[in-house]
Amino acid sequence: MTTTLDPAQLVGYRPPPFSVAYDERDVALYALGVGVIPFVRRFAPS
């Protein structure tokens, strides 16, 4: 089964609104995942 998309119907499409919530733990895990700690150690003043 394949689904085809009609470009004429997609023009001007607005997805429904949604909200996102995160806290300090999420920010810390993201920073660890992207490697912020080595960056901070390298460029932060001692």
PDB file of N, CA and C in Angstrom:
ATOM      1  N   MET A   1       0.830  -1.171   0.000  1.00  0.00           N
ATOM      2  CA  MET A   1       0.000   0.000   0.000  1.00  0.00           C
ATOM      3  C   MET A   1       0.884   1.246   0.000  1.00  0.00           C
ATOM      4  N   THR A   2       0.646   2.125  -0.907  1.00  0.00           N
ATOM      5  CA  THR A   2       1.402   3.372  -0.963  1.00  0.00           C
ATOM      6  C   THR A   2       0.460   4.559  -0.796  1.00  0.00           C
ATOM      7  N   THR A   3       0.980   5.588  -0.220  1.00  0.00           N
ATOM      8  CA  THR A   3       0.212   6.810  -0.037  1.00  0.00           C
ATOM      9  C   THR A   3       0.816   7.884  -0.920  1.00  0.00           C
ATOM     10  N   THR A   4       0.001   8.526  -1.697  1.00  0.00           N
ATOM     11  CA  THR A   4       0.491   9.603  -2.534  1.00  0.00           C
ATOM     12  C   THR A   4       0.056  10.938  -1.946  1.00  0.00           C
ATOM     13  N   LEU A   5       0.905  11.916  -2.088  1.00  0.00           N
ATOM     14  CA  LEU A   5       0.615  13.248  -1.585  1.00  0.00           C
ATOM     15  C   LEU A   5       0.381  14.177  -2.765  1.00  0.00           C
ATOM     16  N   ASP A   6      -0.661  14.950  -2.669  1.00  0.00           N
ATOM     17  CA  ASP A   6      -0.975  15.921  -3.708  1.00  0.00           C
ATOM     18  C   ASP A   6      -0.361  17.253  -3.310  1.00  0.00           C
ATOM     19  N   PRO A   7       0.649  17.743  -4.038  1.00  0.00           N
ATOM     20  CA  PRO A   7       1.298  19.004  -3.673  1.00  0.00           C
ATOM     21  C   PRO A   7       0.313  20.170  -3.575  1.00  0.00           C
ATOM     22  N   ALA A   8      -0.715  20.183  -4.385  1.00  0.00           N
ATOM     23  CA  ALA A   8      -1.689  21.272  -4.341  1.00  0.00           C
ATOM     24  C   ALA A   8      -2.419  21.305  -2.997  1.00  0.00           C
ATOM     25  N   GLN A   9      -2.630  20.158  -2.383  1.00  0.00           N
ATOM     26  CA  GLN A   9      -3.295  20.121  -1.080  1.00  0.00           C
ATOM     27  C   GLN A   9      -2.340  20.479   0.055  1.00  0.00           C
ATOM     28  N   LEU A  10      -1.042  20.316  -0.170  1.00  0.00           N
ATOM     29  CA  LEU A  10      -0.062  20.589   0.881  1.00  0.00           C
ATOM     30  C   LEU A  10       0.292  22.066   0.990  1.00  0.00           C
ATOM     31  N   VAL A  11       0.078  22.818  -0.068  1.00  0.00           N
ATOM     32  CA  VAL A  11       0.405  24.238  -0.041  1.00  0.00           C
ATOM     33  C   VAL A  11      -0.472  24.933   0.997  1.00  0.00           C
ATOM     34  N   GLY A  12       0.157  25.608   1.914  1.00  0.00           N
ATOM     35  CA  GLY A  12      -0.570  26.327   2.954  1.00  0.00           C
ATOM     36  C   GLY A  12      -1.018  25.466   4.109  1.00  0.00           C
ATOM     37  N   TYR A  13      -0.615  24.201   4.137  1.00  0.00           N
ATOM     38  CA  TYR A  13      -1.007  23.317   5.246  1.00  0.00           C
ATOM     39  C   TYR A  13      -0.396  23.815   6.543  1.00  0.00           C
ATOM     40  N   ARG A  14      -1.188  23.853   7.583  1.00  0.00           N
ATOM     41  CA  ARG A  14      -0.714  24.233   8.915  1.00  0.00           C
ATOM     42  C   ARG A  14      -0.958  23.053   9.855  1.00  0.00           C
ATOM     43  N   PRO A  15       0.116  22.523  10.433  1.00  0.00           N
ATOM     44  CA  PRO A  15      -0.060  21.417  11.376  1.00  0.00           C
ATOM     45  C   PRO A  15      -0.763  21.908  12.637  1.00  0.00           C
ATOM     46  N   PRO A  16      -1.403  21.007  13.357  1.00  0.00           N
ATOM     47  CA  PRO A  16      -2.068  21.415  14.596  1.00  0.00           C
ATOM     48  C   PRO A  16      -1.038  21.865  15.637  1.00  0.00           C
ATOM     49  N   PRO A  17      -1.419  22.791  16.509  1.00  0.00           N
ATOM     50  CA  PRO A  17      -0.479  23.257  17.531  1.00  0.00           C
ATOM     51  C   PRO A  17      -0.144  22.155  18.535  1.00  0.00           C
ATOM     52  N   PHE A  18       1.046  22.239  19.098  1.00  0.00           N
ATOM     53  CA  PHE A  18       1.463  21.288  20.120  1.00  0.00           C
ATOM     54  C   PHE A  18       2.380  22.004  21.090  1.00  0.00           C
ATOM     55  N   SER A  19       2.542  21.449  22.259  1.00  0.00           N
ATOM     56  CA  SER A  19       3.425  22.055  23.246  1.00  0.00           C
ATOM     57  C   SER A  19       4.501  21.057  23.648  1.00  0.00           C
ATOM     58  N   VAL A  20       5.608  21.606  24.085  1.00  0.00           N
ATOM     59  CA  VAL A  20       6.743  20.802  24.518  1.00  0.00           C
ATOM     60  C   VAL A  20       7.175  21.312  25.889  1.00  0.00           C
ATOM     61  N   ALA A  21       7.487  20.400  26.775  1.00  0.00           N
ATOM     62  CA  ALA A  21       7.969  20.782  28.103  1.00  0.00           C
ATOM     63  C   ALA A  21       9.255  20.014  28.410  1.00  0.00           C
ATOM     64  N   TYR A  22      10.209  20.704  29.017  1.00  0.00           N
ATOM     65  CA  TYR A  22      11.441  20.059  29.447  1.00  0.00           C
ATOM     66  C   TYR A  22      11.930  20.739  30.718  1.00  0.00           C
ATOM     67  N   ASP A  23      12.762  20.008  31.458  1.00  0.00           N
ATOM     68  CA  ASP A  23      13.279  20.549  32.709  1.00  0.00           C
ATOM     69  C   ASP A  23      14.805  20.497  32.708  1.00  0.00           C
ATOM     70  N   GLU A  24      15.417  20.801  33.859  1.00  0.00           N
ATOM     71  CA  GLU A  24      16.872  20.854  33.954  1.00  0.00           C
ATOM     72  C   GLU A  24      17.524  19.522  33.595  1.00  0.00           C
ATOM     73  N   ARG A  25      16.889  18.430  33.984  1.00  0.00           N
ATOM     74  CA  ARG A  25      17.436  17.100  33.682  1.00  0.00           C
ATOM     75  C   ARG A  25      17.506  16.875  32.179  1.00  0.00           C
ATOM     76  N   ASP A  26      16.458  17.248  31.458  1.00  0.00           N
ATOM     77  CA  ASP A  26      16.445  17.092  30.008  1.00  0.00           C
ATOM     78  C   ASP A  26      17.548  17.928  29.356  1.00  0.00           C
ATOM     79  N   VAL A  27      17.740  19.142  29.854  1.00  0.00           N
ATOM     80  CA  VAL A  27      18.779  20.020  29.307  1.00  0.00           C
ATOM     81  C   VAL A  27      20.158  19.422  29.550  1.00  0.00           C
ATOM     82  N   ALA A  28      20.384  18.897  30.742  1.00  0.00           N
ATOM     83  CA  ALA A  28      21.676  18.296  31.063  1.00  0.00           C
ATOM     84  C   ALA A  28      21.945  17.067  30.202  1.00  0.00           C
ATOM     85  N   LEU A  29      20.948  16.215  30.021  1.00  0.00           N
ATOM     86  CA  LEU A  29      21.128  15.024  29.185  1.00  0.00           C
ATOM     87  C   LEU A  29      21.395  15.411  27.733  1.00  0.00           C
ATOM     88  N   TYR A  30      20.732  16.441  27.256  1.00  0.00           N
ATOM     89  CA  TYR A  30      20.982  16.911  25.891  1.00  0.00           C
ATOM     90  C   TYR A  30      22.421  17.418  25.761  1.00  0.00           C
ATOM     91  N   ALA A  31      22.862  18.202  26.736  1.00  0.00           N
ATOM     92  CA  ALA A  31      24.220  18.740  26.698  1.00  0.00           C
ATOM     93  C   ALA A  31      25.251  17.614  26.700  1.00  0.00           C
ATOM     94  N   LEU A  32      25.035  16.599  27.511  1.00  0.00           N
ATOM     95  CA  LEU A  32      25.955  15.462  27.521  1.00  0.00           C
ATOM     96  C   LEU A  32      25.936  14.726  26.186  1.00  0.00           C
ATOM     97  N   GLY A  33      24.767  14.632  25.579  1.00  0.00           N
ATOM     98  CA  GLY A  33      24.637  13.911  24.317  1.00  0.00           C
ATOM     99  C   GLY A  33      25.321  14.596  23.153  1.00  0.00           C
ATOM    100  N   VAL A  34      25.338  15.935  23.152  1.00  0.00           N
ATOM    101  CA  VAL A  34      25.945  16.649  22.027  1.00  0.00           C
ATOM    102  C   VAL A  34      27.384  17.053  22.304  1.00  0.00           C
ATOM    103  N   GLY A  35      27.897  16.721  23.475  1.00  0.00           N
ATOM    104  CA  GLY A  35      29.301  16.971  23.769  1.00  0.00           C
ATOM    105  C   GLY A  35      29.614  18.381  24.217  1.00  0.00           C
ATOM    106  N   VAL A  36      28.749  18.983  24.983  1.00  0.00           N
ATOM    107  CA  VAL A  36      28.991  20.341  25.460  1.00  0.00           C
ATOM    108  C   VAL A  36      30.093  20.372  26.506  1.00  0.00           C
ATOM    109  N   ILE A  37      30.206  19.332  27.296  1.00  0.00           N
ATOM    110  CA  ILE A  37      31.183  19.340  28.395  1.00  0.00           C
ATOM    111  C   ILE A  37      32.616  19.543  27.871  1.00  0.00           C
ATOM    112  N   PRO A  38      33.099  18.813  26.866  1.00  0.00           N
ATOM    113  CA  PRO A  38      34.453  19.088  26.363  1.00  0.00           C
ATOM    114  C   PRO A  38      34.588  20.504  25.810  1.00  0.00           C
ATOM    115  N   PHE A  39      33.538  21.027  25.200  1.00  0.00           N
ATOM    116  CA  PHE A  39      33.557  22.392  24.680  1.00  0.00           C
ATOM    117  C   PHE A  39      33.723  23.395  25.824  1.00  0.00           C
ATOM    118  N   VAL A  40      32.970  23.203  26.884  1.00  0.00           N
ATOM    119  CA  VAL A  40      33.067  24.101  28.030  1.00  0.00           C
ATOM    120  C   VAL A  40      34.445  24.023  28.664  1.00  0.00           C
ATOM    121  N   ARG A  41      34.976  22.828  28.815  1.00  0.00           N
ATOM    122  CA  ARG A  41      36.308  22.673  29.413  1.00  0.00           C
ATOM    123  C   ARG A  41      37.375  23.367  28.570  1.00  0.00           C
ATOM    124  N   ARG A  42      37.184  23.361  27.266  1.00  0.00           N
ATOM    125  CA  ARG A  42      38.193  23.943  26.375  1.00  0.00           C
ATOM    126  C   ARG A  42      38.135  25.463  26.340  1.00  0.00           C
ATOM    127  N   PHE A  43      36.935  26.021  26.353  1.00  0.00           N
ATOM    128  CA  PHE A  43      36.792  27.452  26.128  1.00  0.00           C
ATOM    129  C   PHE A  43      36.397  28.268  27.351  1.00  0.00           C
ATOM    130  N   ALA A  44      36.020  27.631  28.429  1.00  0.00           N
ATOM    131  CA  ALA A  44      35.626  28.377  29.629  1.00  0.00           C
ATOM    132  C   ALA A  44      36.880  28.915  30.322  1.00  0.00           C
ATOM    133  N   PRO A  45      36.788  30.121  30.849  1.00  0.00           N
ATOM    134  CA  PRO A  45      37.959  30.644  31.573  1.00  0.00           C
ATOM    135  C   PRO A  45      38.214  29.837  32.844  1.00  0.00           C
ATOM    136  N   SER A  46      39.463  29.632  33.170  1.00  0.00           N
ATOM    137  CA  SER A  46      39.818  28.840  34.361  1.00  0.00           C
ATOM    138  C   SER A  46      39.861  29.693  35.590  1.00  0.00           C
TER     139      SER A  46
END
